[in-house]
C-alpha atoms as a PDB file:
ATOM      1  CA  MET A   1      15.663  -6.470 -11.253  1.00  0.00           C
ATOM      2  CA  ASN A   2      12.320  -4.751 -11.779  1.00  0.00           C
ATOM      3  CA  LEU A   3      11.973  -1.627  -9.601  1.00  0.00           C
ATOM      4  CA  LEU A   4       8.539  -2.604  -8.247  1.00  0.00           C
ATOM      5  CA  LEU A   5       9.738  -6.102  -7.365  1.00  0.00           C
ATOM      6  CA  GLU A   6      12.819  -4.638  -5.689  1.00  0.00           C
ATOM      7  CA  ILE A   7      10.647  -2.304  -3.596  1.00  0.00           C
ATOM      8  CA  ILE A   8       8.412  -5.196  -2.548  1.00  0.00           C
ATOM      9  CA  VAL A   9      11.302  -7.514  -1.661  1.00  0.00           C
ATOM     10  CA  LEU A  10      13.703  -5.060  -0.049  1.00  0.00           C
ATOM     11  CA  ASN A  11      11.279  -2.604   1.535  1.00  0.00           C
ATOM     12  CA  GLY A  12       8.738  -5.012   2.956  1.00  0.00           C
ATOM     13  CA  PHE A  13       8.372  -2.988   6.142  1.00  0.00           C
ATOM     14  CA  LEU A  14       6.751  -0.098   4.290  1.00  0.00           C
ATOM     15  CA  LEU A  15       4.161  -2.404   2.756  1.00  0.00           C
ATOM     16  CA  ASP A  16       3.564  -4.082   6.127  1.00  0.00           C
ATOM     17  CA  ALA A  17       3.095  -0.711   7.789  1.00  0.00           C
ATOM     18  CA  LEU A  18       0.662   0.370   5.084  1.00  0.00           C
ATOM     19  CA  GLY A  19      -1.236  -2.911   5.476  1.00  0.00           C
ATOM     20  CA  VAL A  20      -1.546  -2.437   9.232  1.00  0.00           C
ATOM     21  CA  ALA A  21      -2.629   1.179   8.745  1.00  0.00           C
ATOM     22  CA  GLY A  22      -5.221   0.118   6.167  1.00  0.00           C
ATOM     23  CA  LEU A  23      -6.667  -2.524   8.468  1.00  0.00           C
ATOM     24  CA  GLY A  24      -6.794   0.007  11.286  1.00  0.00           C
ATOM     25  CA  LEU A  25      -8.674   2.445   9.056  1.00  0.00           C
ATOM     26  CA  LEU A  26     -11.100  -0.314   8.037  1.00  0.00           C
ATOM     27  CA  ALA A  27     -11.762  -1.147  11.687  1.00  0.00           C
ATOM     28  CA  MET A  28     -12.302   2.516  12.585  1.00  0.00           C
ATOM     29  CA  ALA A  29     -14.622   3.071   9.610  1.00  0.00           C
ATOM     30  CA  ALA A  30     -16.654  -0.010  10.510  1.00  0.00           C
ATOM     31  CA  ALA A  31     -16.891   1.106  14.146  1.00  0.00           C
ATOM     32  CA  ARG A  32     -18.084   4.531  12.997  1.00  0.00           C
ATOM     33  CA  LEU A  33     -20.671   2.834  10.782  1.00  0.00           C
ATOM     34  CA  VAL A  34     -21.968   0.939  13.804  1.00  0.00           C
ATOM     35  CA  ARG A  35     -22.063   4.020  16.002  1.00  0.00           C
ATOM     36  CA  GLU A  36     -23.767   6.332  13.517  1.00  0.00           C
ATOM     37  CA  LYS A  37     -26.005   4.000  11.510  1.00  0.00           C
ATOM     38  CA  LYS A  38     -26.578   1.142  14.005  1.00  0.00           C
ATOM     39  CA  SER A  39     -25.652  -1.435  11.347  1.00  0.00           C
ATOM     40  CA  TRP A  40     -24.959  -4.963  12.592  1.00  0.00           C
ATOM     41  CA  GLY A  41     -22.929  -5.577   9.447  1.00  0.00           C
ATOM     42  CA  GLY A  42     -20.575  -2.822  10.540  1.00  0.00           C
ATOM     43  CA  SER A  43     -19.913  -4.603  13.814  1.00  0.00           C
ATOM     44  CA  MET A  44     -19.031  -7.799  11.950  1.00  0.00           C
ATOM     45  CA  MET A  45     -16.696  -5.810   9.708  1.00  0.00           C
ATOM     46  CA  ALA A  46     -15.072  -4.250  12.774  1.00  0.00           C
ATOM     47  CA  TYR A  47     -14.571  -7.656  14.425  1.00  0.00           C
ATOM     48  CA  GLY A  48     -13.146  -9.082  11.208  1.00  0.00           C
ATOM     49  CA  ALA A  49     -10.806  -6.137  10.686  1.00  0.00           C
ATOM     50  CA  ALA A  50      -9.625  -6.382  14.299  1.00  0.00           C
ATOM     51  CA  ALA A  51      -8.889 -10.099  13.854  1.00  0.00           C
ATOM     52  CA  LEU A  52      -6.978  -9.387  10.635  1.00  0.00           C
ATOM     53  CA  LEU A  53      -5.062  -6.597  12.354  1.00  0.00           C
ATOM     54  CA  ILE A  54      -4.099  -8.813  15.306  1.00  0.00           C
ATOM     55  CA  ALA A  55      -2.966 -11.584  12.951  1.00  0.00           C
ATOM     56  CA  ARG A  56      -0.954  -9.144  10.841  1.00  0.00           C
ATOM     57  CA  VAL A  57       0.796  -7.629  13.856  1.00  0.00           C
ATOM     58  CA  TYR A  58       1.495 -11.118  15.248  1.00  0.00           C
ATOM     59  CA  VAL A  59       3.053 -12.231  11.962  1.00  0.00           C
ATOM     60  CA  LEU A  60       5.217  -9.098  11.931  1.00  0.00           C
ATOM     61  CA  LEU A  61       6.346  -9.390  15.565  1.00  0.00           C
ATOM     62  CA  ALA A  62       6.646 -13.172  15.984  1.00  0.00           C
ATOM     63  CA  PRO A  63      10.129 -13.481  14.440  1.00  0.00           C
ATOM     64  CA  HIS A  64      11.429 -11.001  17.012  1.00  0.00           C
ATOM     65  CA  PHE A  65      10.262 -12.784  20.172  1.00  0.00           C
ATOM     66  CA  VAL A  66       9.828 -16.464  19.270  1.00  0.00           C
ATOM     67  CA  ASP A  67      13.105 -18.244  19.916  1.00  0.00           C
ATOM     68  CA  GLN A  68      14.101 -21.548  21.501  1.00  0.00           C
ATOM     69  CA  ALA A  69      13.856 -20.142  25.040  1.00  0.00           C
ATOM     70  CA  PHE A  70      10.291 -18.999  24.317  1.00  0.00           C
ATOM     71  CA  VAL A  71       9.366 -22.408  22.907  1.00  0.00           C
ATOM     72  CA  ASP A  72      10.813 -24.107  25.986  1.00  0.00           C
ATOM     73  CA  ALA A  73       8.923 -21.728  28.278  1.00  0.00           C
ATOM     74  CA  VAL A  74       5.467 -22.233  26.735  1.00  0.00           C
ATOM     75  CA  GLY A  75       5.802 -25.912  25.899  1.00  0.00           C
ATOM     76  CA  PRO A  76       5.233 -27.790  22.659  1.00  0.00           C
ATOM     77  CA  TYR A  77       1.415 -27.741  22.706  1.00  0.00           C
ATOM     78  CA  ALA A  78       1.155 -24.015  23.305  1.00  0.00           C
ATOM     79  CA  PHE A  79       3.757 -23.426  20.598  1.00  0.00           C
ATOM     80  CA  GLU A  80       1.664 -25.452  18.124  1.00  0.00           C
ATOM     81  CA  LEU A  81      -1.360 -23.334  19.044  1.00  0.00           C
ATOM     82  CA  LEU A  82       0.699 -20.186  18.492  1.00  0.00           C
ATOM     83  CA  LYS A  83       1.654 -21.455  15.030  1.00  0.00           C
ATOM     84  CA  ILE A  84      -2.008 -22.045  14.133  1.00  0.00           C
ATOM     85  CA  MET A  85      -3.282 -18.759  15.579  1.00  0.00           C
ATOM     86  CA  PRO A  86      -2.415 -16.429  12.644  1.00  0.00           C
ATOM     87  CA  MET A  87      -4.114 -18.655  10.063  1.00  0.00           C
ATOM     88  CA  THR A  88      -7.195 -18.952  12.259  1.00  0.00           C
ATOM     89  CA  LEU A  89      -7.375 -15.212  12.856  1.00  0.00           C
ATOM     90  CA  LEU A  90      -6.876 -14.472   9.156  1.00  0.00           C
ATOM     91  CA  THR A  91      -9.614 -16.941   8.203  1.00  0.00           C
ATOM     92  CA  PHE A  92     -12.152 -15.669  10.720  1.00  0.00           C
ATOM     93  CA  GLY A  93     -11.148 -12.065  10.069  1.00  0.00           C
ATOM     94  CA  LEU A  94     -11.732 -12.336   6.345  1.00  0.00           C
ATOM     95  CA  ALA A  95     -15.006 -14.159   6.985  1.00  0.00           C
ATOM     96  CA  GLY A  96     -16.057 -11.399   9.389  1.00  0.00           C
ATOM     97  CA  VAL A  97     -15.307  -8.631   6.903  1.00  0.00           C
ATOM     98  CA  VAL A  98     -17.152 -10.413   4.079  1.00  0.00           C
ATOM     99  CA  TRP A  99     -20.104 -11.305   6.319  1.00  0.00           C
ATOM    100  CA  GLY A 100     -20.180  -7.715   7.557  1.00  0.00           C
ATOM    101  CA  LEU A 101     -20.261  -6.321   4.023  1.00  0.00           C
ATOM    102  CA  TRP A 102     -23.064  -8.716   3.131  1.00  0.00           C
ATOM    103  CA  GLY A 103     -24.960  -7.865   6.307  1.00  0.00           C
ATOM    104  CA  HIS A 104     -24.612  -4.137   5.786  1.00  0.00           C
ATOM    105  CA  GLU A 105     -25.829  -4.440   2.204  1.00  0.00           C
ATOM    106  CA  LYS A 106     -28.824  -6.479   3.396  1.00  0.00           C
ATOM    107  CA  TRP A 107     -29.515  -3.900   6.108  1.00  0.00           C
ATOM    108  CA  LEU A 108     -29.395  -1.075   3.548  1.00  0.00           C
ATOM    109  CA  LYS A 109     -31.861  -2.898   1.263  1.00  0.00           C
ATOM    110  CA  GLU A 110     -34.262  -3.436   4.166  1.00  0.00           C
ATOM    111  CA  LYS A 111     -33.989   0.133   5.400  1.00  0.00           C
ATOM    112  CA  TYR A 112     -34.205   1.995   2.086  1.00  0.00           C
END
């Protein structure tokens, strides 16, 4: 087996941890951009990064706490909503980051 493929398949936790850390850094950088430069695009990037981070952490933790007892406790409709939640957060998170980048670029063109 290829060494890179083996690292990706067998050591997925390292890549997940790096992904979560990267999203956290993106959120902190966007929040700093808002605080220092007053850019509305930075706030959209921060919201998008936070949504991506929440979805990523949910996907990582869901296998550990979602079992049949949990499904019985929340009911079938709430469980269906919980299944849809990561895709929704990922979609809106990516849209927020892209919209934030576009907005910040537009803000920079107007300001300078």
